[in-house]
Amino acid sequence: MGDLRSQIEQHLLMVEEVLGGMDTFIQRLEKRVSRIEEGLGLEPEGLSASGWVADLQRVKTELASIRSLVKPS
């Protein structure tokens, strides 16, 4: 009976270690997602005026205006 209890305790410790590792992994993933969302300029109400997507939209608008100036009529 003592051996069984010892084995159960060992298994419980291993399960705790795995769960702790999973928790750490999930926390790191959440940080990465937050950084990506911030970089993209994503906010709960939509896109912000900053971030990669906003920069891309500004460049797209500037390029369109340059093309319209250079484009022969």
PDB file of N, CA and C in Angstrom:
ATOM      1  N   MET A   1       0.823  -1.193   0.000  1.00  0.00           N
ATOM      2  CA  MET A   1       0.000   0.000   0.000  1.00  0.00           C
ATOM      3  C   MET A   1       0.868   1.258   0.000  1.00  0.00           C
ATOM      4  N   GLY A   2       1.971   1.201   0.745  1.00  0.00           N
ATOM      5  CA  GLY A   2       2.879   2.346   0.802  1.00  0.00           C
ATOM      6  C   GLY A   2       3.504   2.617  -0.550  1.00  0.00           C
ATOM      7  N   ASP A   3       3.801   1.530  -1.298  1.00  0.00           N
ATOM      8  CA  ASP A   3       4.402   1.683  -2.621  1.00  0.00           C
ATOM      9  C   ASP A   3       3.414   2.344  -3.588  1.00  0.00           C
ATOM     10  N   LEU A   4       2.165   1.943  -3.502  1.00  0.00           N
ATOM     11  CA  LEU A   4       1.129   2.533  -4.353  1.00  0.00           C
ATOM     12  C   LEU A   4       0.967   4.022  -4.056  1.00  0.00           C
ATOM     13  N   ARG A   5       0.971   4.362  -2.782  1.00  0.00           N
ATOM     14  CA  ARG A   5       0.852   5.774  -2.387  1.00  0.00           C
ATOM     15  C   ARG A   5       2.037   6.571  -2.932  1.00  0.00           C
ATOM     16  N   SER A   6       3.221   6.002  -2.862  1.00  0.00           N
ATOM     17  CA  SER A   6       4.426   6.662  -3.364  1.00  0.00           C
ATOM     18  C   SER A   6       4.324   6.893  -4.872  1.00  0.00           C
ATOM     19  N   GLN A   7       3.842   5.881  -5.593  1.00  0.00           N
ATOM     20  CA  GLN A   7       3.690   6.010  -7.046  1.00  0.00           C
ATOM     21  C   GLN A   7       2.652   7.082  -7.394  1.00  0.00           C
ATOM     22  N   ILE A   8       1.558   7.102  -6.652  1.00  0.00           N
ATOM     23  CA  ILE A   8       0.518   8.109  -6.897  1.00  0.00           C
ATOM     24  C   ILE A   8       1.075   9.506  -6.654  1.00  0.00           C
ATOM     25  N   GLU A   9       1.847   9.675  -5.591  1.00  0.00           N
ATOM     26  CA  GLU A   9       2.448  10.979  -5.300  1.00  0.00           C
ATOM     27  C   GLU A   9       3.407  11.398  -6.408  1.00  0.00           C
ATOM     28  N   GLN A  10       4.194  10.439  -6.921  1.00  0.00           N
ATOM     29  CA  GLN A  10       5.113  10.742  -8.018  1.00  0.00           C
ATOM     30  C   GLN A  10       4.338  11.182  -9.262  1.00  0.00           C
ATOM     31  N   HIS A  11       3.277  10.470  -9.566  1.00  0.00           N
ATOM     32  CA  HIS A  11       2.470  10.822 -10.735  1.00  0.00           C
ATOM     33  C   HIS A  11       1.828  12.197 -10.563  1.00  0.00           C
ATOM     34  N   LEU A  12       1.351  12.486  -9.365  1.00  0.00           N
ATOM     35  CA  LEU A  12       0.755  13.799  -9.113  1.00  0.00           C
ATOM     36  C   LEU A  12       1.785  14.918  -9.279  1.00  0.00           C
ATOM     37  N   LEU A  13       3.008  14.671  -8.823  1.00  0.00           N
ATOM     38  CA  LEU A  13       4.071  15.665  -9.009  1.00  0.00           C
ATOM     39  C   LEU A  13       4.358  15.888 -10.491  1.00  0.00           C
ATOM     40  N   MET A  14       4.382  14.796 -11.259  1.00  0.00           N
ATOM     41  CA  MET A  14       4.627  14.926 -12.698  1.00  0.00           C
ATOM     42  C   MET A  14       3.493  15.702 -13.370  1.00  0.00           C
ATOM     43  N   VAL A  15       2.267  15.429 -12.966  1.00  0.00           N
ATOM     44  CA  VAL A  15       1.122  16.151 -13.523  1.00  0.00           C
ATOM     45  C   VAL A  15       1.229  17.634 -13.183  1.00  0.00           C
ATOM     46  N   GLU A  16       1.611  17.957 -11.957  1.00  0.00           N
ATOM     47  CA  GLU A  16       1.785  19.358 -11.559  1.00  0.00           C
ATOM     48  C   GLU A  16       2.855  20.037 -12.398  1.00  0.00           C
ATOM     49  N   GLU A  17       3.951  19.325 -12.672  1.00  0.00           N
ATOM     50  CA  GLU A  17       5.026  19.894 -13.489  1.00  0.00           C
ATOM     51  C   GLU A  17       4.541  20.162 -14.909  1.00  0.00           C
ATOM     52  N   VAL A  18       3.796  19.217 -15.465  1.00  0.00           N
ATOM     53  CA  VAL A  18       3.275  19.393 -16.823  1.00  0.00           C
ATOM     54  C   VAL A  18       2.309  20.575 -16.867  1.00  0.00           C
ATOM     55  N   LEU A  19       1.411  20.655 -15.898  1.00  0.00           N
ATOM     56  CA  LEU A  19       0.456  21.763 -15.861  1.00  0.00           C
ATOM     57  C   LEU A  19       1.165  23.099 -15.682  1.00  0.00           C
ATOM     58  N   GLY A  20       2.205  23.117 -14.866  1.00  0.00           N
ATOM     59  CA  GLY A  20       2.988  24.342 -14.694  1.00  0.00           C
ATOM     60  C   GLY A  20       3.663  24.754 -15.992  1.00  0.00           C
ATOM     61  N   GLY A  21       4.198  23.766 -16.720  1.00  0.00           N
ATOM     62  CA  GLY A  21       4.817  24.052 -18.015  1.00  0.00           C
ATOM     63  C   GLY A  21       3.808  24.572 -19.023  1.00  0.00           C
ATOM     64  N   MET A  22       2.621  23.977 -19.014  1.00  0.00           N
ATOM     65  CA  MET A  22       1.569  24.433 -19.923  1.00  0.00           C
ATOM     66  C   MET A  22       1.142  25.853 -19.587  1.00  0.00           C
ATOM     67  N   ASP A  23       1.052  26.163 -18.307  1.00  0.00           N
ATOM     68  CA  ASP A  23       0.673  27.512 -17.880  1.00  0.00           C
ATOM     69  C   ASP A  23       1.699  28.529 -18.358  1.00  0.00           C
ATOM     70  N   THR A  24       2.979  28.206 -18.200  1.00  0.00           N
ATOM     71  CA  THR A  24       4.051  29.092 -18.659  1.00  0.00           C
ATOM     72  C   THR A  24       3.967  29.282 -20.169  1.00  0.00           C
ATOM     73  N   PHE A  25       3.749  28.192 -20.892  1.00  0.00           N
ATOM     74  CA  PHE A  25       3.644  28.245 -22.347  1.00  0.00           C
ATOM     75  C   PHE A  25       2.485  29.141 -22.772  1.00  0.00           C
ATOM     76  N   ILE A  26       1.344  28.990 -22.129  1.00  0.00           N
ATOM     77  CA  ILE A  26       0.160  29.790 -22.461  1.00  0.00           C
ATOM     78  C   ILE A  26       0.406  31.267 -22.166  1.00  0.00           C
ATOM     79  N   GLN A  27       1.073  31.562 -21.054  1.00  0.00           N
ATOM     80  CA  GLN A  27       1.375  32.960 -20.727  1.00  0.00           C
ATOM     81  C   GLN A  27       2.269  33.582 -21.792  1.00  0.00           C
ATOM     82  N   ARG A  28       3.263  32.819 -22.267  1.00  0.00           N
ATOM     83  CA  ARG A  28       4.149  33.332 -23.318  1.00  0.00           C
ATOM     84  C   ARG A  28       3.382  33.556 -24.616  1.00  0.00           C
ATOM     85  N   LEU A  29       2.481  32.627 -24.939  1.00  0.00           N
ATOM     86  CA  LEU A  29       1.660  32.801 -26.142  1.00  0.00           C
ATOM     87  C   LEU A  29       0.798  34.053 -26.043  1.00  0.00           C
ATOM     88  N   GLU A  30       0.207  34.281 -24.880  1.00  0.00           N
ATOM     89  CA  GLU A  30      -0.623  35.471 -24.688  1.00  0.00           C
ATOM     90  C   GLU A  30       0.198  36.740 -24.877  1.00  0.00           C
ATOM     91  N   LYS A  31       1.438  36.742 -24.383  1.00  0.00           N
ATOM     92  CA  LYS A  31       2.306  37.913 -24.564  1.00  0.00           C
ATOM     93  C   LYS A  31       2.609  38.130 -26.045  1.00  0.00           C
ATOM     94  N   ARG A  32       2.887  37.036 -26.770  1.00  0.00           N
ATOM     95  CA  ARG A  32       3.174  37.155 -28.202  1.00  0.00           C
ATOM     96  C   ARG A  32       1.972  37.702 -28.957  1.00  0.00           C
ATOM     97  N   VAL A  33       0.803  37.170 -28.661  1.00  0.00           N
ATOM     98  CA  VAL A  33      -0.415  37.634 -29.326  1.00  0.00           C
ATOM     99  C   VAL A  33      -0.643  39.114 -29.035  1.00  0.00           C
ATOM    100  N   SER A  34      -0.416  39.524 -27.791  1.00  0.00           N
ATOM    101  CA  SER A  34      -0.585  40.939 -27.430  1.00  0.00           C
ATOM    102  C   SER A  34       0.371  41.821 -28.220  1.00  0.00           C
ATOM    103  N   ARG A  35       1.630  41.381 -28.349  1.00  0.00           N
ATOM    104  CA  ARG A  35       2.605  42.169 -29.120  1.00  0.00           C
ATOM    105  C   ARG A  35       2.199  42.250 -30.589  1.00  0.00           C
ATOM    106  N   ILE A  36       1.716  41.146 -31.136  1.00  0.00           N
ATOM    107  CA  ILE A  36       1.296  41.145 -32.539  1.00  0.00           C
ATOM    108  C   ILE A  36       0.099  42.066 -32.728  1.00  0.00           C
ATOM    109  N   GLU A  37      -0.878  41.974 -31.827  1.00  0.00           N
ATOM    110  CA  GLU A  37      -2.051  42.850 -31.919  1.00  0.00           C
ATOM    111  C   GLU A  37      -1.652  44.311 -31.807  1.00  0.00           C
ATOM    112  N   GLU A  38      -0.732  44.605 -30.906  1.00  0.00           N
ATOM    113  CA  GLU A  38      -0.268  45.984 -30.736  1.00  0.00           C
ATOM    114  C   GLU A  38       0.439  46.463 -31.990  1.00  0.00           C
ATOM    115  N   GLY A  39       1.298  45.600 -32.545  1.00  0.00           N
ATOM    116  CA  GLY A  39       2.017  45.964 -33.766  1.00  0.00           C
ATOM    117  C   GLY A  39       1.090  46.194 -34.942  1.00  0.00           C
ATOM    118  N   LEU A  40       0.049  45.385 -35.029  1.00  0.00           N
ATOM    119  CA  LEU A  40      -0.916  45.538 -36.115  1.00  0.00           C
ATOM    120  C   LEU A  40      -1.836  46.729 -35.899  1.00  0.00           C
ATOM    121  N   GLY A  41      -1.891  47.217 -34.680  1.00  0.00           N
ATOM    122  CA  GLY A  41      -2.780  48.333 -34.372  1.00  0.00           C
ATOM    123  C   GLY A  41      -4.206  47.868 -34.139  1.00  0.00           C
ATOM    124  N   LEU A  42      -4.352  46.646 -33.651  1.00  0.00           N
ATOM    125  CA  LEU A  42      -5.691  46.116 -33.398  1.00  0.00           C
ATOM    126  C   LEU A  42      -6.162  46.522 -32.014  1.00  0.00           C
ATOM    127  N   GLU A  43      -7.373  47.021 -31.960  1.00  0.00           N
ATOM    128  CA  GLU A  43      -7.997  47.399 -30.697  1.00  0.00           C
ATOM    129  C   GLU A  43      -9.390  46.790 -30.672  1.00  0.00           C
ATOM    130  N   PRO A  44     -10.005  46.685 -29.501  1.00  0.00           N
ATOM    131  CA  PRO A  44     -11.347  46.079 -29.426  1.00  0.00           C
ATOM    132  C   PRO A  44     -12.374  46.728 -30.352  1.00  0.00           C
ATOM    133  N   GLU A  45     -12.262  48.042 -30.558  1.00  0.00           N
ATOM    134  CA  GLU A  45     -13.235  48.726 -31.411  1.00  0.00           C
ATOM    135  C   GLU A  45     -12.812  48.773 -32.876  1.00  0.00           C
ATOM    136  N   GLY A  46     -11.692  48.171 -33.212  1.00  0.00           N
ATOM    137  CA  GLY A  46     -11.242  48.142 -34.603  1.00  0.00           C
ATOM    138  C   GLY A  46      -9.784  48.538 -34.711  1.00  0.00           C
ATOM    139  N   LEU A  47      -9.392  48.991 -35.889  1.00  0.00           N
ATOM    140  CA  LEU A  47      -8.005  49.381 -36.123  1.00  0.00           C
ATOM    141  C   LEU A  47      -7.725  50.747 -35.529  1.00  0.00           C
ATOM    142  N   SER A  48      -6.500  50.920 -35.053  1.00  0.00           N
ATOM    143  CA  SER A  48      -6.101  52.222 -34.518  1.00  0.00           C
ATOM    144  C   SER A  48      -5.348  52.995 -35.591  1.00  0.00           C
ATOM    145  N   ALA A  49      -4.933  54.195 -35.260  1.00  0.00           N
ATOM    146  CA  ALA A  49      -4.197  55.036 -36.206  1.00  0.00           C
ATOM    147  C   ALA A  49      -2.708  54.721 -36.189  1.00  0.00           C
ATOM    148  N   SER A  50      -2.305  53.749 -35.376  1.00  0.00           N
ATOM    149  CA  SER A  50      -0.899  53.367 -35.337  1.00  0.00           C
ATOM    150  C   SER A  50      -0.794  51.866 -35.573  1.00  0.00           C
ATOM    151  N   GLY A  51       0.407  51.431 -35.857  1.00  0.00           N
ATOM    152  CA  GLY A  51       0.628  50.003 -36.098  1.00  0.00           C
ATOM    153  C   GLY A  51       0.940  49.737 -37.560  1.00  0.00           C
ATOM    154  N   TRP A  52       1.261  48.487 -37.836  1.00  0.00           N
ATOM    155  CA  TRP A  52       1.694  48.105 -39.181  1.00  0.00           C
ATOM    156  C   TRP A  52       0.594  48.269 -40.213  1.00  0.00           C
ATOM    157  N   VAL A  53      -0.618  47.910 -39.856  1.00  0.00           N
ATOM    158  CA  VAL A  53      -1.725  48.023 -40.808  1.00  0.00           C
ATOM    159  C   VAL A  53      -1.980  49.491 -41.139  1.00  0.00           C
ATOM    160  N   ALA A  54      -1.958  50.352 -40.126  1.00  0.00           N
ATOM    161  CA  ALA A  54      -2.164  51.786 -40.360  1.00  0.00           C
ATOM    162  C   ALA A  54      -1.037  52.349 -41.227  1.00  0.00           C
ATOM    163  N   ASP A  55       0.201  51.933 -40.957  1.00  0.00           N
ATOM    164  CA  ASP A  55       1.336  52.376 -41.776  1.00  0.00           C
ATOM    165  C   ASP A  55       1.151  51.936 -43.225  1.00  0.00           C
ATOM    166  N   LEU A  56       0.725  50.714 -43.412  1.00  0.00           N
ATOM    167  CA  LEU A  56       0.502  50.191 -44.757  1.00  0.00           C
ATOM    168  C   LEU A  56      -0.597  50.972 -45.477  1.00  0.00           C
ATOM    169  N   GLN A  57      -1.653  51.310 -44.773  1.00  0.00           N
ATOM    170  CA  GLN A  57      -2.734  52.103 -45.374  1.00  0.00           C
ATOM    171  C   GLN A  57      -2.233  53.485 -45.790  1.00  0.00           C
ATOM    172  N   ARG A  58      -1.395  54.105 -44.945  1.00  0.00           N
ATOM    173  CA  ARG A  58      -0.842  55.427 -45.287  1.00  0.00           C
ATOM    174  C   ARG A  58       0.044  55.341 -46.527  1.00  0.00           C
ATOM    175  N   VAL A  59       0.883  54.317 -46.594  1.00  0.00           N
ATOM    176  CA  VAL A  59       1.763  54.148 -47.753  1.00  0.00           C
ATOM    177  C   VAL A  59       0.931  53.903 -49.006  1.00  0.00           C
ATOM    178  N   LYS A  60      -0.109  53.102 -48.877  1.00  0.00           N
ATOM    179  CA  LYS A  60      -0.990  52.813 -50.010  1.00  0.00           C
ATOM    180  C   LYS A  60      -1.642  54.096 -50.530  1.00  0.00           C
ATOM    181  N   THR A  61      -2.093  54.950 -49.618  1.00  0.00           N
ATOM    182  CA  THR A  61      -2.720  56.219 -49.998  1.00  0.00           C
ATOM    183  C   THR A  61      -1.706  57.136 -50.676  1.00  0.00           C
ATOM    184  N   GLU A  62      -0.499  57.217 -50.118  1.00  0.00           N
ATOM    185  CA  GLU A  62       0.551  58.051 -50.713  1.00  0.00           C
ATOM    186  C   GLU A  62       0.920  57.549 -52.100  1.00  0.00           C
ATOM    187  N   LEU A  63       1.036  56.242 -52.253  1.00  0.00           N
ATOM    188  CA  LEU A  63       1.380  55.660 -53.549  1.00  0.00           C
ATOM    189  C   LEU A  63       0.297  55.964 -54.583  1.00  0.00           C
ATOM    190  N   ALA A  64      -0.948  55.882 -54.177  1.00  0.00           N
ATOM    191  CA  ALA A  64      -2.053  56.194 -55.095  1.00  0.00           C
ATOM    192  C   ALA A  64      -1.991  57.656 -55.536  1.00  0.00           C
ATOM    193  N   SER A  65      -1.665  58.557 -54.608  1.00  0.00           N
ATOM    194  CA  SER A  65      -1.582  59.977 -54.986  1.00  0.00           C
ATOM    195  C   SER A  65      -0.387  60.227 -55.901  1.00  0.00           C
ATOM    196  N   ILE A  66       0.722  59.550 -55.664  1.00  0.00           N
ATOM    197  CA  ILE A  66       1.895  59.695 -56.542  1.00  0.00           C
ATOM    198  C   ILE A  66       1.570  59.162 -57.929  1.00  0.00           C
ATOM    199  N   ARG A  67       0.913  58.023 -57.996  1.00  0.00           N
ATOM    200  CA  ARG A  67       0.537  57.448 -59.294  1.00  0.00           C
ATOM    201  C   ARG A  67      -0.379  58.392 -60.068  1.00  0.00           C
ATOM    202  N   SER A  68      -1.305  59.025 -59.363  1.00  0.00           N
ATOM    203  CA  SER A  68      -2.229  59.939 -60.054  1.00  0.00           C
ATOM    204  C   SER A  68      -1.492  61.165 -60.587  1.00  0.00           C
ATOM    205  N   LEU A  69      -0.417  61.597 -59.924  1.00  0.00           N
ATOM    206  CA  LEU A  69       0.370  62.736 -60.405  1.00  0.00           C
ATOM    207  C   LEU A  69       1.217  62.358 -61.614  1.00  0.00           C
ATOM    208  N   VAL A  70       1.744  61.141 -61.610  1.00  0.00           N
ATOM    209  CA  VAL A  70       2.659  60.697 -62.660  1.00  0.00           C
ATOM    210  C   VAL A  70       1.906  60.137 -63.861  1.00  0.00           C
ATOM    211  N   LYS A  71       0.732  59.642 -63.648  1.00  0.00           N
ATOM    212  CA  LYS A  71      -0.051  58.983 -64.691  1.00  0.00           C
ATOM    213  C   LYS A  71      -0.398  59.969 -65.809  1.00  0.00           C
ATOM    214  N   PRO A  72      -0.038  59.623 -67.050  1.00  0.00           N
ATOM    215  CA  PRO A  72      -0.380  60.515 -68.174  1.00  0.00           C
ATOM    216  C   PRO A  72      -1.888  60.496 -68.429  1.00  0.00           C
ATOM    217  N   SER A  73      -2.406  61.652 -68.708  1.00  0.00           N
ATOM    218  CA  SER A  73      -3.856  61.765 -68.956  1.00  0.00           C
ATOM    219  C   SER A  73      -4.170  61.632 -70.414  1.00  0.00           C
TER     220      SER A  73
END
